[in-house]
């Protein structure tokens, strides 16, 4: 993998940061960061409200 690779985690749960989706996503992104990937997280529920 290139050092320029990026990952976007989209969390769709309206529970936001307290959801199981976020918990699983956080675990996954921590593992991916070990490979030097850049991580960004967005909550779809919050984006829809804008």
PDB file of N, CA and C in Angstrom:
ATOM      1  N   UNK A   1       0.838  -1.188   0.000  1.00  0.00           N
ATOM      2  CA  UNK A   1       0.000   0.000   0.000  1.00  0.00           C
ATOM      3  C   UNK A   1       0.876   1.242   0.000  1.00  0.00           C
ATOM      4  N   UNK A   2       0.381   2.259  -0.655  1.00  0.00           N
ATOM      5  CA  UNK A   2       1.080   3.534  -0.676  1.00  0.00           C
ATOM      6  C   UNK A   2       0.821   4.290   0.611  1.00  0.00           C
ATOM      7  N   UNK A   3       1.761   5.115   1.011  1.00  0.00           N
ATOM      8  CA  UNK A   3       1.583   5.952   2.191  1.00  0.00           C
ATOM      9  C   UNK A   3       0.517   7.009   1.957  1.00  0.00           C
ATOM     10  N   UNK A   4       0.119   7.243   0.694  1.00  0.00           N
ATOM     11  CA  UNK A   4      -0.880   8.252   0.360  1.00  0.00           C
ATOM     12  C   UNK A   4      -2.300   7.709   0.405  1.00  0.00           C
ATOM     13  N   UNK A   5      -2.467   6.460   0.778  1.00  0.00           N
ATOM     14  CA  UNK A   5      -3.801   5.865   0.810  1.00  0.00           C
ATOM     15  C   UNK A   5      -4.621   6.446   1.958  1.00  0.00           C
ATOM     16  N   UNK A   6      -5.882   6.697   1.677  1.00  0.00           N
ATOM     17  CA  UNK A   6      -6.798   7.271   2.653  1.00  0.00           C
ATOM     18  C   UNK A   6      -7.989   6.353   2.843  1.00  0.00           C
ATOM     19  N   UNK A   7      -8.595   6.438   4.035  1.00  0.00           N
ATOM     20  CA  UNK A   7      -9.786   5.659   4.351  1.00  0.00           C
ATOM     21  C   UNK A   7     -10.844   6.618   4.872  1.00  0.00           C
ATOM     22  N   UNK A   8     -12.052   6.488   4.365  1.00  0.00           N
ATOM     23  CA  UNK A   8     -13.181   7.268   4.851  1.00  0.00           C
ATOM     24  C   UNK A   8     -14.164   6.307   5.493  1.00  0.00           C
ATOM     25  N   UNK A   9     -14.406   6.484   6.793  1.00  0.00           N
ATOM     26  CA  UNK A   9     -15.380   5.682   7.516  1.00  0.00           C
ATOM     27  C   UNK A   9     -16.673   6.473   7.578  1.00  0.00           C
ATOM     28  N   UNK A  10     -17.725   5.932   6.993  1.00  0.00           N
ATOM     29  CA  UNK A  10     -19.043   6.558   7.040  1.00  0.00           C
ATOM     30  C   UNK A  10     -19.908   5.792   8.038  1.00  0.00           C
ATOM     31  N   UNK A  11     -20.355   6.488   9.072  1.00  0.00           N
ATOM     32  CA  UNK A  11     -21.207   5.879  10.088  1.00  0.00           C
ATOM     33  C   UNK A  11     -22.632   6.350   9.823  1.00  0.00           C
ATOM     34  N   UNK A  12     -23.528   5.418   9.558  1.00  0.00           N
ATOM     35  CA  UNK A  12     -24.901   5.762   9.208  1.00  0.00           C
ATOM     36  C   UNK A  12     -25.876   5.732  10.369  1.00  0.00           C
ATOM     37  N   UNK A  13     -25.446   5.258  11.508  1.00  0.00           N
ATOM     38  CA  UNK A  13     -26.347   5.128  12.647  1.00  0.00           C
ATOM     39  C   UNK A  13     -26.721   6.499  13.226  1.00  0.00           C
ATOM     40  N   UNK A  14     -28.008   6.722  13.504  1.00  0.00           N
ATOM     41  CA  UNK A  14     -28.403   7.988  14.137  1.00  0.00           C
ATOM     42  C   UNK A  14     -27.939   8.087  15.591  1.00  0.00           C
ATOM     43  N   UNK A  15     -27.443   6.982  16.159  1.00  0.00           N
ATOM     44  CA  UNK A  15     -26.910   7.020  17.528  1.00  0.00           C
ATOM     45  C   UNK A  15     -25.549   7.711  17.593  1.00  0.00           C
ATOM     46  N   UNK A  16     -24.931   7.925  16.432  1.00  0.00           N
ATOM     47  CA  UNK A  16     -23.658   8.634  16.392  1.00  0.00           C
ATOM     48  C   UNK A  16     -22.536   7.905  17.098  1.00  0.00           C
ATOM     49  N   UNK A  17     -21.819   8.625  17.948  1.00  0.00           N
ATOM     50  CA  UNK A  17     -20.615   8.063  18.559  1.00  0.00           C
ATOM     51  C   UNK A  17     -20.891   6.956  19.573  1.00  0.00           C
ATOM     52  N   UNK A  18     -22.143   6.788  19.998  1.00  0.00           N
ATOM     53  CA  UNK A  18     -22.455   5.728  20.960  1.00  0.00           C
ATOM     54  C   UNK A  18     -22.965   4.449  20.290  1.00  0.00           C
ATOM     55  N   UNK A  19     -22.899   4.378  18.978  1.00  0.00           N
ATOM     56  CA  UNK A  19     -23.434   3.210  18.268  1.00  0.00           C
ATOM     57  C   UNK A  19     -22.415   2.080  18.156  1.00  0.00           C
ATOM     58  N   UNK A  20     -22.921   0.901  17.921  1.00  0.00           N
ATOM     59  CA  UNK A  20     -22.057  -0.257  17.668  1.00  0.00           C
ATOM     60  C   UNK A  20     -21.277  -0.070  16.374  1.00  0.00           C
ATOM     61  N   UNK A  21     -21.893   0.594  15.405  1.00  0.00           N
ATOM     62  CA  UNK A  21     -21.218   0.862  14.129  1.00  0.00           C
ATOM     63  C   UNK A  21     -19.954   1.682  14.352  1.00  0.00           C
ATOM     64  N   UNK A  22     -20.045   2.672  15.212  1.00  0.00           N
ATOM     65  CA  UNK A  22     -18.879   3.505  15.512  1.00  0.00           C
ATOM     66  C   UNK A  22     -17.818   2.701  16.240  1.00  0.00           C
ATOM     67  N   UNK A  23     -18.241   1.883  17.180  1.00  0.00           N
ATOM     68  CA  UNK A  23     -17.297   1.060  17.929  1.00  0.00           C
ATOM     69  C   UNK A  23     -16.526   0.120  17.007  1.00  0.00           C
ATOM     70  N   UNK A  24     -17.231  -0.557  16.129  1.00  0.00           N
ATOM     71  CA  UNK A  24     -16.578  -1.455  15.172  1.00  0.00           C
ATOM     72  C   UNK A  24     -15.705  -0.677  14.190  1.00  0.00           C
ATOM     73  N   UNK A  25     -16.204   0.461  13.738  1.00  0.00           N
ATOM     74  CA  UNK A  25     -15.436   1.300  12.822  1.00  0.00           C
ATOM     75  C   UNK A  25     -14.156   1.817  13.456  1.00  0.00           C
ATOM     76  N   UNK A  26     -14.227   2.190  14.738  1.00  0.00           N
ATOM     77  CA  UNK A  26     -13.032   2.665  15.439  1.00  0.00           C
ATOM     78  C   UNK A  26     -11.979   1.567  15.531  1.00  0.00           C
ATOM     79  N   UNK A  27     -12.425   0.365  15.810  1.00  0.00           N
ATOM     80  CA  UNK A  27     -11.489  -0.763  15.864  1.00  0.00           C
ATOM     81  C   UNK A  27     -10.823  -0.960  14.498  1.00  0.00           C
ATOM     82  N   UNK A  28     -11.633  -0.959  13.458  1.00  0.00           N
ATOM     83  CA  UNK A  28     -11.111  -1.156  12.111  1.00  0.00           C
ATOM     84  C   UNK A  28     -10.124  -0.050  11.735  1.00  0.00           C
ATOM     85  N   UNK A  29     -10.478   1.194  12.016  1.00  0.00           N
ATOM     86  CA  UNK A  29      -9.594   2.294  11.631  1.00  0.00           C
ATOM     87  C   UNK A  29      -8.291   2.281  12.438  1.00  0.00           C
ATOM     88  N   UNK A  30      -8.350   1.872  13.711  1.00  0.00           N
ATOM     89  CA  UNK A  30      -7.111   1.756  14.481  1.00  0.00           C
ATOM     90  C   UNK A  30      -6.180   0.725  13.861  1.00  0.00           C
ATOM     91  N   UNK A  31      -6.752  -0.373  13.415  1.00  0.00           N
ATOM     92  CA  UNK A  31      -5.939  -1.409  12.756  1.00  0.00           C
ATOM     93  C   UNK A  31      -5.357  -0.899  11.444  1.00  0.00           C
ATOM     94  N   UNK A  32      -6.153  -0.161  10.666  1.00  0.00           N
ATOM     95  CA  UNK A  32      -5.683   0.357   9.382  1.00  0.00           C
ATOM     96  C   UNK A  32      -4.600   1.421   9.561  1.00  0.00           C
ATOM     97  N   UNK A  33      -4.702   2.199  10.646  1.00  0.00           N
ATOM     98  CA  UNK A  33      -3.669   3.204  10.921  1.00  0.00           C
ATOM     99  C   UNK A  33      -2.311   2.550  11.157  1.00  0.00           C
ATOM    100  N   UNK A  34      -2.311   1.327  11.651  1.00  0.00           N
ATOM    101  CA  UNK A  34      -1.056   0.601  11.855  1.00  0.00           C
ATOM    102  C   UNK A  34      -0.320   0.370  10.536  1.00  0.00           C
ATOM    103  N   UNK A  35      -1.052   0.405   9.431  1.00  0.00           N
ATOM    104  CA  UNK A  35      -0.462   0.245   8.106  1.00  0.00           C
ATOM    105  C   UNK A  35      -0.123   1.584   7.467  1.00  0.00           C
ATOM    106  N   UNK A  36      -0.264   2.662   8.229  1.00  0.00           N
ATOM    107  CA  UNK A  36       0.100   3.985   7.724  1.00  0.00           C
ATOM    108  C   UNK A  36      -0.979   4.680   6.923  1.00  0.00           C
ATOM    109  N   UNK A  37      -2.208   4.210   7.020  1.00  0.00           N
ATOM    110  CA  UNK A  37      -3.300   4.827   6.275  1.00  0.00           C
ATOM    111  C   UNK A  37      -3.839   6.047   7.020  1.00  0.00           C
ATOM    112  N   UNK A  38      -4.281   7.022   6.274  1.00  0.00           N
ATOM    113  CA  UNK A  38      -4.893   8.216   6.837  1.00  0.00           C
ATOM    114  C   UNK A  38      -6.400   7.973   6.951  1.00  0.00           C
ATOM    115  N   UNK A  39      -6.965   8.268   8.123  1.00  0.00           N
ATOM    116  CA  UNK A  39      -8.363   7.948   8.413  1.00  0.00           C
ATOM    117  C   UNK A  39      -9.176   9.221   8.593  1.00  0.00           C
ATOM    118  N   UNK A  40     -10.365   9.239   8.006  1.00  0.00           N
ATOM    119  CA  UNK A  40     -11.338  10.310   8.234  1.00  0.00           C
ATOM    120  C   UNK A  40     -12.676   9.653   8.541  1.00  0.00           C
ATOM    121  N   UNK A  41     -13.409  10.232   9.489  1.00  0.00           N
ATOM    122  CA  UNK A  41     -14.688   9.659   9.896  1.00  0.00           C
ATOM    123  C   UNK A  41     -15.781  10.722   9.733  1.00  0.00           C
ATOM    124  N   UNK A  42     -16.901  10.324   9.154  1.00  0.00           N
ATOM    125  CA  UNK A  42     -18.054  11.210   9.003  1.00  0.00           C
ATOM    126  C   UNK A  42     -19.303  10.475   9.469  1.00  0.00           C
ATOM    127  N   UNK A  43     -20.176  11.227  10.106  1.00  0.00           N
ATOM    128  CA  UNK A  43     -21.454  10.684  10.537  1.00  0.00           C
ATOM    129  C   UNK A  43     -22.525  11.149   9.547  1.00  0.00           C
ATOM    130  N   UNK A  44     -23.083  10.224   8.796  1.00  0.00           N
ATOM    131  CA  UNK A  44     -24.064  10.549   7.754  1.00  0.00           C
ATOM    132  C   UNK A  44     -25.266  11.245   8.352  1.00  0.00           C
ATOM    133  N   UNK A  45     -25.688  10.811   9.513  1.00  0.00           N
ATOM    134  CA  UNK A  45     -26.865  11.395  10.166  1.00  0.00           C
ATOM    135  C   UNK A  45     -26.658  12.896  10.393  1.00  0.00           C
ATOM    136  N   UNK A  46     -25.480  13.297  10.828  1.00  0.00           N
ATOM    137  CA  UNK A  46     -25.201  14.712  11.047  1.00  0.00           C
ATOM    138  C   UNK A  46     -25.121  15.475   9.736  1.00  0.00           C
ATOM    139  N   UNK A  47     -24.571  14.844   8.699  1.00  0.00           N
ATOM    140  CA  UNK A  47     -24.441  15.502   7.395  1.00  0.00           C
ATOM    141  C   UNK A  47     -25.820  15.757   6.778  1.00  0.00           C
ATOM    142  N   UNK A  48     -26.754  14.845   6.990  1.00  0.00           N
ATOM    143  CA  UNK A  48     -28.108  15.013   6.441  1.00  0.00           C
ATOM    144  C   UNK A  48     -28.835  16.175   7.061  1.00  0.00           C
ATOM    145  N   UNK A  49     -28.550  16.492   8.319  1.00  0.00           N
ATOM    146  CA  UNK A  49     -29.238  17.561   9.024  1.00  0.00           C
ATOM    147  C   UNK A  49     -28.817  18.942   8.548  1.00  0.00           C
ATOM    148  N   UNK A  50     -27.648  19.050   7.915  1.00  0.00           N
ATOM    149  CA  UNK A  50     -27.131  20.355   7.489  1.00  0.00           C
ATOM    150  C   UNK A  50     -27.942  20.954   6.384  1.00  0.00           C
TER     151      UNK A  50
END
